[in-house]
Amino acid sequence: MPPRAPWHSTLQSHLSNSSFSEFNVATVALDADGRTVPRTRTCGFRGWFPNPELHSSAVETLASQNERQNPAVYESEMISFTTDVRMEKVGQLEGSGNVVEAVFWLKDVGNQWRVRGEAFVIGDPAGGEREEKAREEIRRGLRVCEGCEEKEGEWSWERQVTTYFANHTPILRGSFKNPPPGTPRSQAPTDPNLKLGQKLEDLHDPVARGNFRVVVIRANEVERLDLSDYKKPQRWNWTLVGGTGDDARWDETELWP
């Protein structure tokens, strides 16, 4: 199993004490001339996979539709967020070897966190080789909680994605039935299911779930810049050495800020 990350508890504390948890995600893309270019967007932090903090409404929605939650079998320090598969970031991740960088600026605590690693996309209802490969890569970043080994067989990838979907409000679930993102508004969609402003209660709506994905970032390098005291700024770097196996470790280095 992968080693516990020494930076995780501090970042979690900072997130818990911040008024917002949005972060920037940078990917690598190719422009119309085939040149490598950066692309950045803001995403909402959806917890450490596979344990998002569920809103009470999500718990109620799951129960009302007879959806069981996964048992608390796994833990990790992998960041999760959600996206529409039609967004450009998905293709950019797949086309660049999954490399990604995420940056949190948590103003309330005066700290910037930079997370570099690989991002894997899951949630394709059709399954397939790409889905299985992403699951396998994510599995390498999971630890089995102490005493939970006997429950591993009860844990389901499909159920986990449904839980993430339920943790959105009905209007956000409906956004996965919007017209294709980024296409000209003059091009009306031919599919009558695609329109703005829909509220969605059904957790298994085929159109929305066909577009919904969960993205999981497995970090291999993390930096913290502490600017809470401008007279004494501090900076640290943690680098994962040895992959994700039993011999892996996080090396910590204090840097000049």
C-alpha atoms as a PDB file:
ATOM      1  CA  MET A   1       0.000   0.000   0.000  1.00  0.00           C
ATOM      2  CA  PRO A   2       1.192   3.581  -0.603  1.00  0.00           C
ATOM      3  CA  PRO A   3       2.805   5.475   2.291  1.00  0.00           C
ATOM      4  CA  ARG A   4       0.861   8.036   4.272  1.00  0.00           C
ATOM      5  CA  ALA A   5       1.583  11.546   3.036  1.00  0.00           C
ATOM      6  CA  PRO A   6       3.118  13.753   5.757  1.00  0.00           C
ATOM      7  CA  TRP A   7       1.607  16.895   4.209  1.00  0.00           C
ATOM      8  CA  HIS A   8      -1.973  15.646   4.156  1.00  0.00           C
ATOM      9  CA  SER A   9      -3.131  16.551   7.677  1.00  0.00           C
ATOM     10  CA  THR A  10      -1.890  20.142   7.320  1.00  0.00           C
ATOM     11  CA  LEU A  11      -3.566  20.655   3.957  1.00  0.00           C
ATOM     12  CA  GLN A  12      -6.783  19.130   5.301  1.00  0.00           C
ATOM     13  CA  SER A  13      -6.637  21.473   8.303  1.00  0.00           C
ATOM     14  CA  HIS A  14      -6.151  24.458   5.998  1.00  0.00           C
ATOM     15  CA  LEU A  15      -9.093  23.404   3.835  1.00  0.00           C
ATOM     16  CA  SER A  16     -11.283  22.958   6.916  1.00  0.00           C
ATOM     17  CA  ASN A  17     -10.410  26.462   8.091  1.00  0.00           C
ATOM     18  CA  SER A  18     -10.937  28.168   4.733  1.00  0.00           C
ATOM     19  CA  SER A  19     -14.136  29.778   3.516  1.00  0.00           C
ATOM     20  CA  PHE A  20     -13.771  28.184   0.081  1.00  0.00           C
ATOM     21  CA  SER A  21     -11.939  25.198  -1.379  1.00  0.00           C
ATOM     22  CA  GLU A  22     -11.835  25.878  -5.107  1.00  0.00           C
ATOM     23  CA  PHE A  23      -8.502  25.271  -6.792  1.00  0.00           C
ATOM     24  CA  ASN A  24      -6.904  25.749 -10.200  1.00  0.00           C
ATOM     25  CA  VAL A  25      -6.149  22.770 -12.413  1.00  0.00           C
ATOM     26  CA  ALA A  26      -3.562  23.080 -15.181  1.00  0.00           C
ATOM     27  CA  THR A  27      -3.288  20.674 -18.095  1.00  0.00           C
ATOM     28  CA  VAL A  28      -1.244  20.462 -21.286  1.00  0.00           C
ATOM     29  CA  ALA A  29      -2.971  20.981 -24.648  1.00  0.00           C
ATOM     30  CA  LEU A  30      -2.149  21.434 -28.315  1.00  0.00           C
ATOM     31  CA  ASP A  31      -3.305  24.542 -30.159  1.00  0.00           C
ATOM     32  CA  ALA A  32      -4.547  24.659 -33.765  1.00  0.00           C
ATOM     33  CA  ASP A  33      -0.929  24.732 -34.981  1.00  0.00           C
ATOM     34  CA  GLY A  34       0.088  21.727 -32.912  1.00  0.00           C
ATOM     35  CA  ARG A  35       2.052  23.742 -30.370  1.00  0.00           C
ATOM     36  CA  THR A  36       2.098  22.712 -26.722  1.00  0.00           C
ATOM     37  CA  VAL A  37       0.129  25.228 -24.635  1.00  0.00           C
ATOM     38  CA  PRO A  38      -1.051  25.424 -21.011  1.00  0.00           C
ATOM     39  CA  ARG A  39      -4.727  25.385 -20.066  1.00  0.00           C
ATOM     40  CA  THR A  40      -6.014  26.327 -16.611  1.00  0.00           C
ATOM     41  CA  ARG A  41      -9.451  26.309 -15.013  1.00  0.00           C
ATOM     42  CA  THR A  42     -10.995  26.495 -11.530  1.00  0.00           C
ATOM     43  CA  CYS A  43     -12.539  23.346 -10.046  1.00  0.00           C
ATOM     44  CA  GLY A  44     -14.342  22.514  -6.837  1.00  0.00           C
ATOM     45  CA  PHE A  45     -12.585  20.243  -4.345  1.00  0.00           C
ATOM     46  CA  ARG A  46     -14.736  17.131  -3.819  1.00  0.00           C
ATOM     47  CA  GLY A  47     -12.773  15.538  -1.006  1.00  0.00           C
ATOM     48  CA  TRP A  48     -10.112  12.872  -0.724  1.00  0.00           C
ATOM     49  CA  PHE A  49     -11.045   9.885  -2.849  1.00  0.00           C
ATOM     50  CA  PRO A  50     -13.070   7.861  -2.099  1.00  0.00           C
ATOM     51  CA  ASN A  51     -14.472   9.735   0.901  1.00  0.00           C
ATOM     52  CA  PRO A  52     -16.249  12.961  -0.106  1.00  0.00           C
ATOM     53  CA  GLU A  53     -17.999  14.881   2.651  1.00  0.00           C
ATOM     54  CA  LEU A  54     -21.649  14.234   1.823  1.00  0.00           C
ATOM     55  CA  HIS A  55     -24.260  16.940   2.213  1.00  0.00           C
ATOM     56  CA  SER A  56     -27.341  15.898   4.156  1.00  0.00           C
ATOM     57  CA  SER A  57     -29.386  16.279   0.963  1.00  0.00           C
ATOM     58  CA  ALA A  58     -27.098  13.773  -0.778  1.00  0.00           C
ATOM     59  CA  VAL A  59     -27.639  11.223   1.975  1.00  0.00           C
ATOM     60  CA  GLU A  60     -31.404  11.746   1.713  1.00  0.00           C
ATOM     61  CA  THR A  61     -31.349  11.425  -2.084  1.00  0.00           C
ATOM     62  CA  LEU A  62     -29.358   8.196  -1.949  1.00  0.00           C
ATOM     63  CA  ALA A  63     -31.726   6.741   0.630  1.00  0.00           C
ATOM     64  CA  SER A  64     -34.863   7.806  -1.257  1.00  0.00           C
ATOM     65  CA  GLN A  65     -33.630   6.020  -4.385  1.00  0.00           C
ATOM     66  CA  ASN A  66     -32.551   2.905  -2.467  1.00  0.00           C
ATOM     67  CA  GLU A  67     -28.888   3.530  -3.203  1.00  0.00           C
ATOM     68  CA  ARG A  68     -26.435   2.070  -0.705  1.00  0.00           C
ATOM     69  CA  GLN A  69     -23.228   3.893   0.120  1.00  0.00           C
ATOM     70  CA  ASN A  70     -19.952   2.038  -0.048  1.00  0.00           C
ATOM     71  CA  PRO A  71     -18.550   0.825   3.260  1.00  0.00           C
ATOM     72  CA  ALA A  72     -15.619   2.861   4.580  1.00  0.00           C
ATOM     73  CA  VAL A  73     -12.959   0.478   3.294  1.00  0.00           C
ATOM     74  CA  TYR A  74     -10.352   2.727   1.665  1.00  0.00           C
ATOM     75  CA  GLU A  75      -8.531   5.963   2.392  1.00  0.00           C
ATOM     76  CA  SER A  76      -6.057   8.071   0.437  1.00  0.00           C
ATOM     77  CA  GLU A  77      -4.533  11.496  -0.083  1.00  0.00           C
ATOM     78  CA  MET A  78      -5.812  11.687  -3.661  1.00  0.00           C
ATOM     79  CA  ILE A  79      -7.720  14.849  -4.565  1.00  0.00           C
ATOM     80  CA  SER A  80     -11.052  14.360  -6.305  1.00  0.00           C
ATOM     81  CA  PHE A  81     -13.217  16.649  -8.409  1.00  0.00           C
ATOM     82  CA  THR A  82     -15.962  16.119 -10.954  1.00  0.00           C
ATOM     83  CA  THR A  83     -16.337  17.151 -14.583  1.00  0.00           C
ATOM     84  CA  ASP A  84     -18.301  16.709 -17.773  1.00  0.00           C
ATOM     85  CA  VAL A  85     -16.580  14.265 -20.120  1.00  0.00           C
ATOM     86  CA  ARG A  86     -17.267  16.689 -22.957  1.00  0.00           C
ATOM     87  CA  MET A  87     -14.975  19.297 -21.349  1.00  0.00           C
ATOM     88  CA  GLU A  88     -11.597  19.761 -22.996  1.00  0.00           C
ATOM     89  CA  LYS A  89      -9.674  18.885 -19.839  1.00  0.00           C
ATOM     90  CA  VAL A  90     -10.578  15.207 -20.180  1.00  0.00           C
ATOM     91  CA  GLY A  91      -9.012  14.873 -23.618  1.00  0.00           C
ATOM     92  CA  GLN A  92      -6.021  16.959 -22.539  1.00  0.00           C
ATOM     93  CA  LEU A  93      -5.322  14.604 -19.640  1.00  0.00           C
ATOM     94  CA  GLU A  94      -5.571  11.536 -21.828  1.00  0.00           C
ATOM     95  CA  GLY A  95      -3.394  13.101 -24.517  1.00  0.00           C
ATOM     96  CA  SER A  96      -0.581  14.160 -22.180  1.00  0.00           C
ATOM     97  CA  GLY A  97      -0.013  11.023 -20.147  1.00  0.00           C
ATOM     98  CA  ASN A  98      -2.380  12.222 -17.420  1.00  0.00           C
ATOM     99  CA  VAL A  99       0.019  14.888 -16.119  1.00  0.00           C
ATOM    100  CA  VAL A 100      -1.629  17.626 -14.078  1.00  0.00           C
ATOM    101  CA  GLU A 101      -0.929  20.387 -11.585  1.00  0.00           C
ATOM    102  CA  ALA A 102      -3.401  21.685  -9.007  1.00  0.00           C
ATOM    103  CA  VAL A 103      -2.942  24.909  -7.031  1.00  0.00           C
ATOM    104  CA  PHE A 104      -4.856  25.974  -3.925  1.00  0.00           C
ATOM    105  CA  TRP A 105      -4.559  29.548  -2.695  1.00  0.00           C
ATOM    106  CA  LEU A 106      -6.196  29.426   0.726  1.00  0.00           C
ATOM    107  CA  LYS A 107      -6.337  33.090   1.620  1.00  0.00           C
ATOM    108  CA  ASP A 108      -7.920  32.599   5.041  1.00  0.00           C
ATOM    109  CA  VAL A 109      -4.824  30.757   6.263  1.00  0.00           C
ATOM    110  CA  GLY A 110      -2.309  32.522   3.996  1.00  0.00           C
ATOM    111  CA  ASN A 111      -1.029  29.340   2.360  1.00  0.00           C
ATOM    112  CA  GLN A 112      -0.554  28.212  -1.219  1.00  0.00           C
ATOM    113  CA  TRP A 113      -0.453  24.495  -2.002  1.00  0.00           C
ATOM    114  CA  ARG A 114       0.838  23.163  -5.312  1.00  0.00           C
ATOM    115  CA  VAL A 115       0.095  19.516  -6.131  1.00  0.00           C
ATOM    116  CA  ARG A 116       1.733  17.821  -9.105  1.00  0.00           C
ATOM    117  CA  GLY A 117       0.967  14.341 -10.312  1.00  0.00           C
ATOM    118  CA  GLU A 118      -1.304  12.301 -12.536  1.00  0.00           C
ATOM    119  CA  ALA A 119      -5.072  12.551 -12.940  1.00  0.00           C
ATOM    120  CA  PHE A 120      -7.340   9.648 -13.821  1.00  0.00           C
ATOM    121  CA  VAL A 121     -10.936   9.862 -15.046  1.00  0.00           C
ATOM    122  CA  ILE A 122     -13.598   7.329 -14.049  1.00  0.00           C
ATOM    123  CA  GLY A 123     -17.358   7.019 -14.379  1.00  0.00           C
ATOM    124  CA  ASP A 124     -17.963   5.780 -17.909  1.00  0.00           C
ATOM    125  CA  PRO A 125     -21.206   3.741 -17.711  1.00  0.00           C
ATOM    126  CA  ALA A 126     -20.040   1.707 -20.705  1.00  0.00           C
ATOM    127  CA  GLY A 127     -16.868   0.614 -18.907  1.00  0.00           C
ATOM    128  CA  GLY A 128     -14.141  -0.498 -21.282  1.00  0.00           C
ATOM    129  CA  GLU A 129     -10.355  -0.652 -21.295  1.00  0.00           C
ATOM    130  CA  ARG A 130      -9.798   3.047 -20.531  1.00  0.00           C
ATOM    131  CA  GLU A 131     -12.124   2.908 -17.526  1.00  0.00           C
ATOM    132  CA  GLU A 132     -10.474  -0.222 -16.177  1.00  0.00           C
ATOM    133  CA  LYS A 133      -6.998   1.251 -16.582  1.00  0.00           C
ATOM    134  CA  ALA A 134      -8.001   4.422 -14.719  1.00  0.00           C
ATOM    135  CA  ARG A 135      -9.488   2.380 -11.883  1.00  0.00           C
ATOM    136  CA  GLU A 136      -6.316   0.314 -11.619  1.00  0.00           C
ATOM    137  CA  GLU A 137      -4.145   3.436 -11.401  1.00  0.00           C
ATOM    138  CA  ILE A 138      -6.399   4.914  -8.707  1.00  0.00           C
ATOM    139  CA  ARG A 139      -6.365   1.614  -6.817  1.00  0.00           C
ATOM    140  CA  ARG A 140      -2.577   1.935  -6.542  1.00  0.00           C
ATOM    141  CA  GLY A 141      -3.093   5.071  -4.463  1.00  0.00           C
ATOM    142  CA  LEU A 142      -5.595   3.518  -2.040  1.00  0.00           C
ATOM    143  CA  ARG A 143      -4.924   2.088   1.403  1.00  0.00           C
ATOM    144  CA  VAL A 144      -7.225  -0.412   3.079  1.00  0.00           C
ATOM    145  CA  CYS A 145      -8.385   0.953   6.430  1.00  0.00           C
ATOM    146  CA  GLU A 146      -7.288  -1.110   9.406  1.00  0.00           C
ATOM    147  CA  GLY A 147      -9.697  -3.937  10.084  1.00  0.00           C
ATOM    148  CA  CYS A 148     -11.668  -3.395   6.843  1.00  0.00           C
ATOM    149  CA  GLU A 149     -10.155  -6.145   4.705  1.00  0.00           C
ATOM    150  CA  GLU A 150     -13.245  -8.342   4.949  1.00  0.00           C
ATOM    151  CA  LYS A 151     -15.445  -5.569   3.507  1.00  0.00           C
ATOM    152  CA  GLU A 152     -13.425  -5.012   0.327  1.00  0.00           C
ATOM    153  CA  GLY A 153     -15.752  -7.298  -1.619  1.00  0.00           C
ATOM    154  CA  GLU A 154     -18.708  -5.065  -0.740  1.00  0.00           C
ATOM    155  CA  TRP A 155     -17.088  -1.985  -2.277  1.00  0.00           C
ATOM    156  CA  SER A 156     -18.193  -0.945  -5.806  1.00  0.00           C
ATOM    157  CA  TRP A 157     -16.721   1.566  -8.258  1.00  0.00           C
ATOM    158  CA  GLU A 158     -20.141   2.195  -9.798  1.00  0.00           C
ATOM    159  CA  ARG A 159     -21.670   2.887  -6.386  1.00  0.00           C
ATOM    160  CA  GLN A 160     -18.846   5.305  -5.583  1.00  0.00           C
ATOM    161  CA  VAL A 161     -19.417   7.334  -8.762  1.00  0.00           C
ATOM    162  CA  THR A 162     -23.153   7.437  -7.998  1.00  0.00           C
ATOM    163  CA  THR A 163     -22.344   8.814  -4.536  1.00  0.00           C
ATOM    164  CA  TYR A 164     -20.303  11.628  -6.097  1.00  0.00           C
ATOM    165  CA  PHE A 165     -23.171  12.359  -8.485  1.00  0.00           C
ATOM    166  CA  ALA A 166     -25.676  12.459  -5.602  1.00  0.00           C
ATOM    167  CA  ASN A 167     -23.475  14.973  -3.791  1.00  0.00           C
ATOM    168  CA  HIS A 168     -24.436  17.592  -6.400  1.00  0.00           C
ATOM    169  CA  THR A 169     -27.581  19.681  -6.179  1.00  0.00           C
ATOM    170  CA  PRO A 170     -30.394  18.828  -8.636  1.00  0.00           C
ATOM    171  CA  ILE A 171     -29.524  21.878 -10.775  1.00  0.00           C
ATOM    172  CA  LEU A 172     -25.848  20.832 -10.948  1.00  0.00           C
ATOM    173  CA  ARG A 173     -26.831  17.278 -11.826  1.00  0.00           C
ATOM    174  CA  GLY A 174     -28.967  18.755 -14.578  1.00  0.00           C
ATOM    175  CA  SER A 175     -25.952  20.649 -15.943  1.00  0.00           C
ATOM    176  CA  PHE A 176     -24.664  17.346 -17.296  1.00  0.00           C
ATOM    177  CA  LYS A 177     -27.600  17.527 -19.715  1.00  0.00           C
ATOM    178  CA  ASN A 178     -26.566  20.962 -20.991  1.00  0.00           C
ATOM    179  CA  PRO A 179     -25.753  21.474 -24.676  1.00  0.00           C
ATOM    180  CA  PRO A 180     -22.152  20.465 -25.480  1.00  0.00           C
ATOM    181  CA  PRO A 181     -19.841  22.844 -23.530  1.00  0.00           C
ATOM    182  CA  GLY A 182     -17.807  25.245 -25.629  1.00  0.00           C
ATOM    183  CA  THR A 183     -19.804  24.863 -28.840  1.00  0.00           C
ATOM    184  CA  PRO A 184     -21.274  27.994 -30.510  1.00  0.00           C
ATOM    185  CA  ARG A 185     -24.601  28.988 -29.022  1.00  0.00           C
ATOM    186  CA  SER A 186     -25.904  29.455 -32.553  1.00  0.00           C
ATOM    187  CA  GLN A 187     -25.693  25.665 -32.958  1.00  0.00           C
ATOM    188  CA  ALA A 188     -28.831  24.351 -31.302  1.00  0.00           C
ATOM    189  CA  PRO A 189     -28.438  20.731 -30.129  1.00  0.00           C
ATOM    190  CA  THR A 190     -30.400  18.175 -32.097  1.00  0.00           C
ATOM    191  CA  ASP A 191     -30.993  16.098 -28.950  1.00  0.00           C
ATOM    192  CA  PRO A 192     -34.095  17.479 -27.146  1.00  0.00           C
ATOM    193  CA  ASN A 193     -32.700  16.169 -23.829  1.00  0.00           C
ATOM    194  CA  LEU A 194     -29.931  18.780 -23.944  1.00  0.00           C
ATOM    195  CA  LYS A 195     -30.968  22.180 -22.591  1.00  0.00           C
ATOM    196  CA  LEU A 196     -29.975  24.628 -19.864  1.00  0.00           C
ATOM    197  CA  GLY A 197     -31.456  24.934 -16.399  1.00  0.00           C
ATOM    198  CA  GLN A 198     -32.718  21.404 -15.861  1.00  0.00           C
ATOM    199  CA  LYS A 199     -33.190  20.047 -12.332  1.00  0.00           C
ATOM    200  CA  LEU A 200     -32.436  16.358 -12.067  1.00  0.00           C
ATOM    201  CA  GLU A 201     -33.450  14.000  -9.264  1.00  0.00           C
ATOM    202  CA  ASP A 202     -32.802  10.664 -11.002  1.00  0.00           C
ATOM    203  CA  LEU A 203     -29.316   9.480 -10.040  1.00  0.00           C
ATOM    204  CA  HIS A 204     -29.176   7.167 -13.051  1.00  0.00           C
ATOM    205  CA  ASP A 205     -30.433   9.452 -15.791  1.00  0.00           C
ATOM    206  CA  PRO A 206     -28.680   7.933 -18.845  1.00  0.00           C
ATOM    207  CA  VAL A 207     -27.820  11.240 -20.514  1.00  0.00           C
ATOM    208  CA  ALA A 208     -26.422  12.941 -17.420  1.00  0.00           C
ATOM    209  CA  ARG A 209     -24.545   9.881 -16.223  1.00  0.00           C
ATOM    210  CA  GLY A 210     -23.156   9.376 -19.704  1.00  0.00           C
ATOM    211  CA  ASN A 211     -21.469  12.778 -19.377  1.00  0.00           C
ATOM    212  CA  PHE A 212     -20.589  12.746 -15.658  1.00  0.00           C
ATOM    213  CA  ARG A 213     -17.067  11.828 -14.563  1.00  0.00           C
ATOM    214  CA  VAL A 214     -14.978  11.798 -11.394  1.00  0.00           C
ATOM    215  CA  VAL A 215     -11.338  12.903 -11.688  1.00  0.00           C
ATOM    216  CA  VAL A 216      -8.786  11.666  -9.158  1.00  0.00           C
ATOM    217  CA  ILE A 217      -5.324  13.231  -8.759  1.00  0.00           C
ATOM    218  CA  ARG A 218      -2.557  10.953  -7.483  1.00  0.00           C
ATOM    219  CA  ALA A 219       0.199  13.278  -6.292  1.00  0.00           C
ATOM    220  CA  ASN A 220       3.912  12.672  -6.679  1.00  0.00           C
ATOM    221  CA  GLU A 221       5.112  16.138  -5.623  1.00  0.00           C
ATOM    222  CA  VAL A 222       3.599  18.701  -3.266  1.00  0.00           C
ATOM    223  CA  GLU A 223       4.741  22.186  -2.295  1.00  0.00           C
ATOM    224  CA  ARG A 224       3.501  24.396   0.503  1.00  0.00           C
ATOM    225  CA  LEU A 225       4.203  28.148   0.617  1.00  0.00           C
ATOM    226  CA  ASP A 226       3.302  29.685   3.970  1.00  0.00           C
ATOM    227  CA  LEU A 227       2.697  33.430   3.720  1.00  0.00           C
ATOM    228  CA  SER A 228       0.674  33.759   6.910  1.00  0.00           C
ATOM    229  CA  ASP A 229       3.538  35.854   8.308  1.00  0.00           C
ATOM    230  CA  TYR A 230       5.128  37.995   5.613  1.00  0.00           C
ATOM    231  CA  LYS A 231       8.101  38.697   7.874  1.00  0.00           C
ATOM    232  CA  LYS A 232       8.855  34.992   8.037  1.00  0.00           C
ATOM    233  CA  PRO A 233       7.631  33.197   4.903  1.00  0.00           C
ATOM    234  CA  GLN A 234       8.288  29.469   4.734  1.00  0.00           C
ATOM    235  CA  ARG A 235       8.264  26.873   1.984  1.00  0.00           C
ATOM    236  CA  TRP A 236       8.445  23.076   1.865  1.00  0.00           C
ATOM    237  CA  ASN A 237       8.575  20.424  -0.849  1.00  0.00           C
ATOM    238  CA  TRP A 238       7.578  16.765  -0.568  1.00  0.00           C
ATOM    239  CA  THR A 239       8.560  14.353  -3.336  1.00  0.00           C
ATOM    240  CA  LEU A 240       7.311  10.792  -3.616  1.00  0.00           C
ATOM    241  CA  VAL A 241      10.217   8.410  -4.141  1.00  0.00           C
ATOM    242  CA  GLY A 242       9.752   4.810  -5.227  1.00  0.00           C
ATOM    243  CA  GLY A 243       6.306   4.963  -6.813  1.00  0.00           C
ATOM    244  CA  THR A 244       3.297   3.747  -4.839  1.00  0.00           C
ATOM    245  CA  GLY A 245       4.551   0.419  -3.509  1.00  0.00           C
ATOM    246  CA  ASP A 246       5.608  -0.698  -0.051  1.00  0.00           C
ATOM    247  CA  ASP A 247       9.108   0.763  -0.521  1.00  0.00           C
ATOM    248  CA  ALA A 248       7.833   4.221  -1.471  1.00  0.00           C
ATOM    249  CA  ARG A 249       8.438   7.209   0.778  1.00  0.00           C
ATOM    250  CA  TRP A 250       7.883  10.964   0.858  1.00  0.00           C
ATOM    251  CA  ASP A 251      11.095  13.027   1.015  1.00  0.00           C
ATOM    252  CA  GLU A 252      10.695  16.439   2.669  1.00  0.00           C
ATOM    253  CA  THR A 253      12.896  19.450   1.875  1.00  0.00           C
ATOM    254  CA  GLU A 254      12.594  22.933   3.343  1.00  0.00           C
ATOM    255  CA  LEU A 255      13.153  25.583   0.646  1.00  0.00           C
ATOM    256  CA  TRP A 256      13.895  29.254   0.525  1.00  0.00           C
ATOM    257  CA  PRO A 257      10.513  30.928  -0.073  1.00  0.00           C
END
